[in-house]
Protein backbone atom coordinates (compact mmCIF):
# COMPACT_ATOMS: atom_id res chain seq x y z
CA UNK A 1 10.22 -75.18 12.43
CA UNK A 2 11.23 -77.18 15.48
CA UNK A 3 9.94 -80.68 16.25
CA UNK A 4 6.61 -80.61 18.10
CA UNK A 5 7.89 -83.58 20.11
CA UNK A 6 10.30 -81.21 21.83
CA UNK A 7 7.40 -79.02 22.94
CA UNK A 8 5.47 -82.06 24.17
CA UNK A 9 8.40 -83.59 26.04
CA UNK A 10 10.32 -80.54 27.22
CA UNK A 11 8.22 -77.35 26.98
CA UNK A 12 10.36 -75.57 29.58
CA UNK A 13 13.44 -75.92 27.40
CA UNK A 14 11.54 -74.31 24.52
CA UNK A 15 10.33 -71.50 26.80
CA UNK A 16 13.85 -70.90 28.16
CA UNK A 17 15.11 -70.69 24.60
CA UNK A 18 12.47 -68.05 23.83
CA UNK A 19 13.55 -66.08 26.89
CA UNK A 20 17.17 -66.21 25.69
CA UNK A 21 15.99 -64.37 22.58
CA UNK A 22 14.13 -61.80 24.69
CA UNK A 23 10.84 -62.81 23.05
CA UNK A 24 8.83 -63.55 26.18
CA UNK A 25 5.61 -62.63 24.36
CA UNK A 26 5.98 -65.87 22.36
CA UNK A 27 5.81 -68.13 25.42
CA UNK A 28 2.02 -68.13 25.11
CA UNK A 29 2.36 -69.91 21.76
CA UNK A 30 3.97 -72.89 23.51
CA UNK A 31 1.11 -73.18 26.01
CA UNK A 32 -1.47 -72.89 23.25
CA UNK A 33 0.26 -75.59 21.20
CA UNK A 34 0.24 -77.93 24.18
CA UNK A 35 -3.45 -77.27 24.85
CA UNK A 36 -4.48 -77.73 21.21
CA UNK A 37 -2.25 -80.78 20.85
CA UNK A 38 -3.99 -82.48 23.80
CA UNK A 39 -7.38 -81.55 22.34
CA UNK A 40 -6.31 -82.86 18.95
CA UNK A 41 -5.31 -86.20 20.45
CA UNK A 42 -8.73 -86.56 22.08
CA UNK A 43 -10.61 -85.64 18.91
CA UNK A 44 -8.52 -87.99 16.77
CA UNK A 45 -9.38 -90.71 19.27
CA UNK A 46 -13.06 -89.92 18.80
CA UNK A 47 -12.66 -90.13 15.04
CA UNK A 48 -10.89 -93.47 15.30
CA UNK A 49 -13.62 -94.78 17.63
CA UNK A 50 -16.30 -93.79 15.14
CA UNK A 51 -14.49 -95.53 12.31
CA UNK A 52 -14.12 -98.66 14.44
CA UNK A 53 -17.82 -98.42 15.39
CA UNK A 54 -18.73 -98.22 11.70
CA UNK A 55 -16.78 -101.41 11.03
CA UNK A 56 -18.46 -103.17 13.94
CA UNK A 57 -21.90 -102.09 12.75
CA UNK A 58 -21.16 -103.27 9.21
CA UNK A 59 -20.34 -106.71 10.55
CA UNK A 60 -23.47 -106.62 12.70
CA UNK A 61 -25.64 -105.73 9.68
CA UNK A 62 -24.22 -108.64 7.72
CA UNK A 63 -24.91 -110.95 10.66
CA UNK A 64 -28.48 -109.67 11.09
CA UNK A 65 -29.14 -110.06 7.38
CA UNK A 66 -28.00 -113.66 7.46
CA UNK A 67 -30.24 -114.25 10.43
CA UNK A 68 -33.05 -112.36 8.65
CA UNK A 69 -33.47 -110.00 11.58
CA UNK A 70 -34.45 -106.32 11.71
CA UNK A 71 -31.57 -103.96 10.76
CA UNK A 72 -33.33 -100.59 10.56
CA UNK A 73 -32.02 -99.29 13.89
CA UNK A 74 -28.47 -100.35 13.02
CA UNK A 75 -28.66 -98.78 9.53
CA UNK A 76 -29.76 -95.50 11.07
CA UNK A 77 -26.72 -95.40 13.32
CA UNK A 78 -24.42 -96.25 10.41
CA UNK A 79 -25.90 -93.45 8.30
CA UNK A 80 -25.20 -90.91 11.06
CA UNK A 81 -21.52 -91.83 11.43
CA UNK A 82 -20.13 -90.19 8.20
CA UNK A 83 -21.55 -86.80 9.18
CA UNK A 84 -20.11 -87.13 12.67
CA UNK A 85 -16.71 -88.06 11.21
CA UNK A 86 -16.90 -85.13 8.80
CA UNK A 87 -17.50 -82.66 11.64
CA UNK A 88 -14.66 -84.15 13.66
CA UNK A 89 -12.28 -83.98 10.66
CA UNK A 90 -13.15 -80.30 10.23
CA UNK A 91 -12.21 -79.75 13.88
CA UNK A 92 -8.98 -81.70 13.33
CA UNK A 93 -8.01 -79.55 10.32
CA UNK A 94 -8.85 -76.40 12.25
CA UNK A 95 -6.71 -77.44 15.21
CA UNK A 96 -3.84 -78.59 13.00
CA UNK A 97 -3.90 -75.23 11.23
CA UNK A 98 -3.79 -73.33 14.52
CA UNK A 99 -0.95 -75.52 15.81
CA UNK A 100 1.02 -75.08 12.59
CA UNK A 101 0.66 -71.29 12.68
CA UNK A 102 1.92 -71.26 16.25
CA UNK A 103 4.77 -73.62 15.43
CA UNK A 104 5.98 -71.12 12.84
CA UNK A 105 6.23 -68.52 15.62
CA UNK A 106 8.54 -70.65 17.78
CA UNK A 107 12.24 -69.87 17.18
CA UNK A 108 14.88 -72.48 16.53
CA UNK A 109 16.79 -73.81 19.52
CA UNK A 110 19.90 -71.65 19.92
CA UNK A 111 23.50 -72.84 20.18
CA UNK A 112 24.36 -73.06 23.87
CA UNK A 113 27.44 -70.82 23.53
CA UNK A 114 25.73 -68.05 21.57
CA UNK A 115 26.48 -64.78 23.42
CA UNK A 116 23.53 -63.26 25.24
CA UNK A 117 22.34 -59.86 24.05
CA UNK A 118 19.21 -57.99 23.02
CA UNK A 119 20.37 -56.49 19.72
CA UNK A 120 23.21 -56.07 17.22
CA UNK A 121 25.01 -53.73 19.60
CA UNK A 122 25.82 -56.75 21.75
CA UNK A 123 27.23 -58.96 19.00
CA UNK A 124 30.71 -60.25 19.76
CA UNK A 125 33.77 -59.64 17.61
CA UNK A 126 35.73 -62.88 17.16
CA UNK A 127 38.73 -61.71 15.13
CA UNK A 128 40.10 -59.26 12.58
CA UNK A 129 42.26 -59.78 9.50
CA UNK A 130 44.23 -57.44 7.27
CA UNK A 131 45.93 -54.09 7.61
CA UNK A 132 43.79 -50.98 7.43
CA UNK A 133 45.39 -48.61 4.95
CA UNK A 134 46.43 -45.18 6.21
CA UNK A 135 45.59 -42.59 3.55
CA UNK A 136 47.61 -39.39 3.21
CA UNK A 137 44.62 -37.85 1.44
CA UNK A 138 40.89 -37.76 2.08
CA UNK A 139 39.51 -40.99 0.57
CA UNK A 140 36.59 -40.68 -1.80
CA UNK A 141 33.40 -42.68 -1.46
CA UNK A 142 32.80 -45.45 -3.95
CA UNK A 143 30.12 -43.23 -5.54
CA UNK A 144 32.56 -40.37 -6.06
CA UNK A 145 35.19 -42.74 -7.45
CA UNK A 146 32.78 -44.52 -9.78
CA UNK A 147 31.37 -41.30 -11.20
CA UNK A 148 34.77 -39.66 -11.67
CA UNK A 149 36.07 -42.81 -13.39
CA UNK A 150 32.88 -43.12 -15.49
CA UNK A 151 32.31 -46.72 -14.43
CA UNK A 152 28.77 -46.42 -13.00
CA UNK A 153 25.67 -44.32 -13.64
CA UNK A 154 23.01 -43.92 -10.94
CA UNK A 155 21.29 -40.92 -12.51
CA UNK A 156 20.39 -42.95 -15.59
CA UNK A 157 19.11 -45.91 -13.52
CA UNK A 158 17.06 -43.55 -11.33
CA UNK A 159 15.21 -42.34 -14.44
CA UNK A 160 14.23 -45.82 -15.54
CA UNK A 161 14.09 -47.84 -12.30
CA UNK A 162 14.27 -45.50 -9.31
CA UNK A 163 16.65 -45.70 -6.35
CA UNK A 164 18.34 -48.96 -5.51
CA UNK A 165 19.42 -49.77 -9.06
CA UNK A 166 22.49 -48.94 -11.14
CA UNK A 167 24.22 -49.12 -14.48
CA UNK A 168 27.68 -50.66 -14.23
CA UNK A 169 30.02 -49.50 -17.00
CA UNK A 170 33.42 -50.27 -18.41
CA UNK A 171 35.92 -51.54 -15.82
CA UNK A 172 33.38 -51.76 -12.98
CA UNK A 173 31.17 -54.03 -15.07
CA UNK A 174 34.24 -56.14 -15.82
CA UNK A 175 35.15 -56.14 -12.12
CA UNK A 176 31.67 -57.41 -11.27
CA UNK A 177 32.11 -60.33 -13.67
CA UNK A 178 35.69 -60.91 -12.49
CA UNK A 179 34.48 -61.32 -8.91
CA UNK A 180 31.82 -63.81 -9.98
CA UNK A 181 34.26 -65.85 -12.03
CA UNK A 182 36.88 -65.77 -9.27
CA UNK A 183 34.35 -66.98 -6.68
CA UNK A 184 33.10 -69.74 -9.00
CA UNK A 185 36.65 -70.98 -9.59
CA UNK A 186 37.37 -70.81 -5.86
CA UNK A 187 34.32 -72.90 -4.91
CA UNK A 188 34.89 -75.44 -7.69
CA UNK A 189 38.40 -75.96 -6.33
CA UNK A 190 36.78 -76.66 -2.95
CA UNK A 191 34.80 -79.47 -4.64
CA UNK A 192 31.38 -77.88 -4.22
CA UNK A 193 28.76 -78.65 -6.87
CA UNK A 194 27.82 -75.66 -9.03
CA UNK A 195 24.13 -74.77 -9.40
CA UNK A 196 22.43 -71.99 -11.34
CA UNK A 197 18.95 -71.91 -9.77
CA UNK A 198 15.58 -70.55 -10.92
CA UNK A 199 15.21 -66.88 -10.07
CA UNK A 200 11.52 -67.26 -9.21
CA UNK A 201 9.91 -69.59 -6.67
CA UNK A 202 6.38 -70.36 -5.57
CA UNK A 203 5.14 -69.18 -2.19
CA UNK A 204 5.71 -72.43 -0.30
CA UNK A 205 9.29 -72.71 -1.51
CA UNK A 206 10.31 -69.12 -0.87
CA UNK A 207 8.71 -68.94 2.59
CA UNK A 208 10.55 -72.07 3.77
CA UNK A 209 13.94 -70.41 4.17
CA UNK A 210 12.95 -67.85 6.83
CA UNK A 211 9.92 -66.42 8.57
CA UNK A 212 7.04 -65.07 6.50
CA UNK A 213 7.29 -61.49 7.80
CA UNK A 214 10.96 -61.24 6.85
CA UNK A 215 10.20 -62.59 3.38
CA UNK A 216 7.23 -60.29 2.80
CA UNK A 217 9.38 -57.25 3.61
CA UNK A 218 11.98 -58.21 1.02
CA UNK A 219 10.45 -60.32 -1.76
CA UNK A 220 9.09 -59.03 -5.06
CA UNK A 221 5.98 -61.02 -6.01
CA UNK A 222 4.72 -61.49 -9.57
CA UNK A 223 1.20 -60.12 -9.90
CA UNK A 224 -1.55 -62.74 -10.40
CA UNK A 225 0.97 -65.60 -10.31
CA UNK A 226 2.29 -67.85 -7.55
CA UNK A 227 5.84 -66.73 -8.28
CA UNK A 228 8.30 -64.57 -6.38
CA UNK A 229 11.75 -63.25 -7.29
CA UNK A 230 14.41 -64.76 -5.05
CA UNK A 231 16.19 -62.55 -2.53
CA UNK A 232 19.04 -65.04 -2.32
CA UNK A 233 19.81 -68.32 -4.05
CA UNK A 234 19.73 -69.93 -0.60
CA UNK A 235 15.95 -70.00 -1.04
CA UNK A 236 16.14 -71.85 -4.35
CA UNK A 237 18.85 -74.32 -3.31
CA UNK A 238 16.97 -75.23 -0.13
CA UNK A 239 13.75 -75.83 -2.08
CA UNK A 240 15.55 -78.01 -4.63
CA UNK A 241 15.28 -81.04 -2.32
CA UNK A 242 11.67 -80.53 -1.20
CA UNK A 243 10.15 -83.86 -0.02
CA UNK A 244 13.41 -85.69 -0.79
CA UNK A 245 14.81 -88.47 1.39
CA UNK A 246 18.55 -88.52 0.84
CA UNK A 247 20.70 -91.56 1.75
CA UNK A 248 23.16 -90.58 4.46
CA UNK A 249 25.89 -92.15 2.33
CA UNK A 250 25.33 -89.29 -0.16
CA UNK A 251 25.75 -86.59 2.47
CA UNK A 252 27.00 -83.97 2.72
CA UNK A 253 25.63 -82.32 -0.39
CA UNK A 254 27.81 -79.26 -0.87
CA UNK A 255 26.43 -76.75 -3.33
CA UNK A 256 27.29 -73.26 -4.45
CA UNK A 257 25.33 -71.08 -6.80
CA UNK A 258 25.52 -67.85 -8.72
CA UNK A 259 22.38 -65.80 -9.18
CA UNK A 260 20.92 -62.37 -9.48
CA UNK A 261 19.07 -61.45 -6.27
CA UNK A 262 16.18 -59.05 -5.77
CA UNK A 263 15.03 -57.39 -2.53
CA UNK A 264 12.45 -54.74 -1.73
CA UNK A 265 14.23 -53.88 1.54
CA UNK A 266 11.09 -52.51 3.19
CA UNK A 267 11.34 -51.42 6.81
CA UNK A 268 14.17 -50.08 8.93
CA UNK A 269 16.85 -50.15 6.25
CA UNK A 270 15.11 -48.88 3.16
CA UNK A 271 16.95 -47.56 0.12
CA UNK A 272 16.98 -43.79 -0.06
CA UNK A 273 20.26 -42.97 -1.76
CA UNK A 274 22.34 -44.04 -4.71
CA UNK A 275 25.28 -46.36 -4.41
CA UNK A 276 26.13 -50.04 -4.38
CA UNK A 277 26.00 -50.81 -0.67
CA UNK A 278 22.24 -51.37 -0.40
CA UNK A 279 20.40 -52.11 -3.61
CA UNK A 280 17.26 -53.79 -4.91
CA UNK A 281 19.26 -55.93 -7.35
CA UNK A 282 22.65 -57.55 -6.90
CA UNK A 283 24.82 -60.52 -7.86
CA UNK A 284 25.76 -63.17 -5.32
CA UNK A 285 27.63 -66.44 -5.10
CA UNK A 286 26.16 -68.51 -2.27
CA UNK A 287 27.30 -71.63 -0.41
CA UNK A 288 24.78 -74.21 0.82
CA UNK A 289 25.17 -77.56 2.58
CA UNK A 290 22.74 -80.38 3.38
CA UNK A 291 24.26 -82.71 5.97
CA UNK A 292 23.55 -85.21 8.73
CA UNK A 293 22.72 -83.56 12.09
CA UNK A 294 25.95 -84.55 13.83
CA UNK A 295 28.08 -82.87 11.14
CA UNK A 296 26.52 -79.40 10.84
CA UNK A 297 28.89 -77.67 13.26
CA UNK A 298 31.89 -79.02 11.36
CA UNK A 299 30.54 -77.58 8.12
CA UNK A 300 29.69 -74.30 9.83
CA UNK A 301 33.42 -73.82 10.39
CA UNK A 302 34.20 -74.92 6.84
CA UNK A 303 31.80 -72.41 5.27
CA UNK A 304 33.21 -69.57 7.35
CA UNK A 305 36.75 -70.55 6.41
CA UNK A 306 35.80 -70.44 2.71
CA UNK A 307 34.44 -66.90 3.07
CA UNK A 308 37.51 -65.70 4.94
CA UNK A 309 39.87 -67.20 2.36
CA UNK A 310 38.00 -65.36 -0.41
CA UNK A 311 38.40 -62.01 1.35
CA UNK A 312 42.03 -62.74 2.15
CA UNK A 313 42.68 -63.49 -1.52
CA UNK A 314 41.09 -60.14 -2.37
CA UNK A 315 43.24 -58.50 0.35
CA UNK A 316 40.26 -56.72 1.92
CA UNK A 317 40.48 -56.03 5.69
CA UNK A 318 37.62 -57.65 7.58
CA UNK A 319 36.36 -58.85 10.94
CA UNK A 320 34.14 -61.77 12.01
CA UNK A 321 31.16 -61.12 14.30
CA UNK A 322 29.24 -63.73 16.31
CA UNK A 323 25.56 -62.76 16.48
CA UNK A 324 24.05 -62.54 19.95
CA UNK A 325 20.79 -64.26 20.96
CA UNK A 326 18.61 -61.18 20.44
CA UNK A 327 20.00 -60.45 16.96
CA UNK A 328 19.72 -64.06 15.83
CA UNK A 329 16.93 -64.67 13.31
CA UNK A 330 14.30 -67.16 14.47
CA UNK A 331 15.28 -69.83 11.94
CA UNK A 332 18.95 -69.85 12.99
CA UNK A 333 20.76 -72.06 15.50
CA UNK A 334 23.82 -69.83 15.32
CA UNK A 335 25.14 -67.21 12.93
CA UNK A 336 28.16 -65.07 12.14
CA UNK A 337 28.65 -62.03 9.93
CA UNK A 338 31.82 -61.11 8.10
CA UNK A 339 32.28 -57.35 7.79
CA UNK A 340 34.72 -55.44 5.56
CA UNK A 341 36.46 -52.21 6.48
CA UNK A 342 35.21 -49.02 4.80
CA UNK A 343 37.63 -46.08 5.09
CA UNK A 344 34.95 -43.58 4.05
CA UNK A 345 32.69 -44.45 6.99
CA UNK A 346 35.48 -45.50 9.38
CA UNK A 347 33.61 -48.65 10.28
CA UNK A 348 33.06 -52.23 9.23
CA UNK A 349 30.07 -53.25 7.11
CA UNK A 350 28.51 -56.70 6.65
CA UNK A 351 29.24 -58.50 3.38
CA UNK A 352 28.75 -62.16 4.31
CA UNK A 353 26.29 -63.97 6.56
CA UNK A 354 26.80 -67.52 7.80
CA UNK A 355 23.98 -69.60 9.33
CA UNK A 356 23.50 -73.05 10.77
CA UNK A 357 19.74 -73.59 10.62
CA UNK A 358 19.91 -77.18 11.95
CA UNK A 359 16.59 -78.87 11.02
CA UNK A 360 14.42 -75.73 11.11
CA UNK A 361 14.32 -75.13 7.34
CA UNK A 362 14.39 -78.77 6.25
CA UNK A 363 11.40 -79.69 8.43
CA UNK A 364 9.25 -77.13 6.61
CA UNK A 365 9.97 -78.79 3.27
CA UNK A 366 10.10 -82.39 4.54
CA UNK A 367 13.74 -82.94 3.59
CA UNK A 368 15.11 -85.99 5.33
CA UNK A 369 18.01 -88.41 5.30
CA UNK A 370 17.92 -92.18 5.73
CA UNK A 371 20.58 -94.55 7.04
CA UNK A 372 21.40 -98.09 5.88
CA UNK A 373 18.84 -99.56 8.28
CA UNK A 374 16.05 -97.41 6.85
CA UNK A 375 15.86 -95.03 9.80
CA UNK A 376 14.74 -91.58 8.67
CA UNK A 377 15.35 -88.19 10.29
CA UNK A 378 15.32 -84.54 9.32
CA UNK A 379 18.72 -83.40 8.08
CA UNK A 380 20.48 -80.09 8.75
CA UNK A 381 21.01 -77.12 6.42
CA UNK A 382 23.66 -74.41 6.42
CA UNK A 383 24.29 -71.44 4.18
CA UNK A 384 26.89 -68.72 3.81
CA UNK A 385 27.71 -65.97 1.36
CA UNK A 386 30.73 -66.75 -0.75
CA UNK A 387 30.69 -63.30 -2.34
CA UNK A 388 28.14 -60.57 -3.07
CA UNK A 389 29.71 -58.45 -5.79
CA UNK A 390 28.18 -55.04 -5.09
CA UNK A 391 29.45 -54.67 -1.52
CA UNK A 392 32.80 -56.24 -2.35
CA UNK A 393 33.17 -53.70 -5.17
CA UNK A 394 32.51 -50.94 -2.64
CA UNK A 395 35.28 -52.34 -0.43
CA UNK A 396 37.71 -52.65 -3.35
CA UNK A 397 37.03 -49.15 -4.69
CA UNK A 398 37.31 -47.46 -1.31
CA UNK A 399 40.26 -49.44 0.11
CA UNK A 400 42.29 -49.62 -3.11
CA UNK A 401 41.99 -46.02 -4.27
CA UNK A 402 45.08 -43.95 -5.03
CA UNK A 403 45.78 -40.24 -4.72
CA UNK A 404 45.49 -39.75 -8.49
CA UNK A 405 41.91 -41.05 -8.45
CA UNK A 406 42.74 -44.49 -9.82
CA UNK A 407 41.85 -47.80 -8.16
CA UNK A 408 44.20 -50.76 -7.94
CA UNK A 409 42.62 -54.08 -8.93
CA UNK A 410 43.30 -57.01 -6.56
CA UNK A 411 45.96 -59.28 -8.04
CA UNK A 412 43.75 -62.39 -8.04
CA UNK A 413 41.24 -60.58 -10.27
CA UNK A 414 43.72 -59.34 -12.89
CA UNK A 415 43.50 -62.55 -14.97
CA UNK A 416 39.74 -61.99 -15.21
CA UNK A 417 40.18 -58.31 -16.14
CA UNK A 418 41.96 -58.81 -19.47
CA UNK A 419 45.23 -57.89 -17.80
CA UNK A 420 44.08 -54.59 -16.34
CA UNK A 421 45.83 -53.81 -13.07
CA UNK A 422 44.19 -50.46 -12.33
CA UNK A 423 41.01 -48.58 -13.09
CA UNK A 424 42.45 -45.31 -14.27
CA UNK A 425 40.99 -41.83 -14.89
CA UNK A 426 40.22 -41.09 -18.51
CA UNK A 427 43.41 -39.07 -18.94
CA UNK A 428 45.35 -42.27 -18.14
CA UNK A 429 44.03 -44.76 -20.66
CA UNK A 430 45.00 -48.41 -20.21
CA UNK A 431 45.60 -50.67 -23.12
CA UNK A 432 42.97 -53.37 -23.13
CA UNK A 433 45.00 -56.49 -22.46
CA UNK A 434 48.43 -55.54 -21.14
CA UNK A 435 47.39 -53.29 -18.29
CA UNK A 436 50.06 -50.82 -19.39
CA UNK A 437 49.16 -47.15 -19.27
CA UNK A 438 49.74 -44.27 -21.61
CA UNK A 439 49.09 -40.58 -21.17
């Protein structure tokens, strides 16, 4: 959430920011916060006055006792004070709860150069990379390729799990692991610290990364337990430093993680068909940075560069999209998507999402930094996909397919594929380690 001081000191800036996101209905929350905040200040003053009055009366009782004077009337007033304080504290908690709920509705302050627009249709393309392959045959979908090559089974997973799941087999299962290992090696060489996080988080931790509605539409909760399956390791890495105060000399903290991810995908998207593009379960390598506020934009560029270098190494054509104000999630200061080319749909599809969340996430979990003089402030958080294997496998299968039904494996992945250079039809069996073929 944003700092309430900003609402107190510059409410019009907060309201203008809401208008930039085309969320005018949320302006009322700012006015309510201001009203309740003023009321809270008055009530807290009353509570403090009562506590001071109690101290004064205690001294007066001691004085009267020493002077052997009547104290009954003073004792009566003292006895009434705790109940009055209790009622005031109940009002304080009630007001603080209302303010907090409204604060969670206020979006993060947006980057001043974020393009204006109401929805994804007005996002701005920044650049493209790679050559789109011209096929002299009709390219197959990744589903058709996977089934003909016997490297995935959606019918079997539908029987035991329903739609949105899959069995990876043979070379595709190896390709999945090759992508993970390649991404891990890549990030280690960038001097990021490797983390394998818990796959389940409590409610407070999992709701800190984004707004509650977005989480509830995607998160699987464990019945009768305060545990939820993560939808991205971003949630777990963020929560790792809950209530921590990190010396600025130790910043930035650059992490990356590998994890399984689980998403219900309720709502507009849904999952109604088989395939690997949108699933309930997937593997992802994620980048995450905790840094001082003045450095977050520098690391925003660094994270994006890492993602682009990964796709360039895989030789997958892509483009970078800057999200417009209306498509920007409430917890984000700015954001970009990286989209790969899919020849079977003749369009780009999102595979990576970069976000600078400034202090919005860290404030929820009280994550701060401290300088040498002891001055504390909320730090900034950023996250970006390094690689989500399922969608990258779709891009590799569809872009690297050949007329004979085989799929060429990206060169950087061959060392992780036991020497295999292609995924070949069953009538063209590869030897396990040399990559050579025989009829």
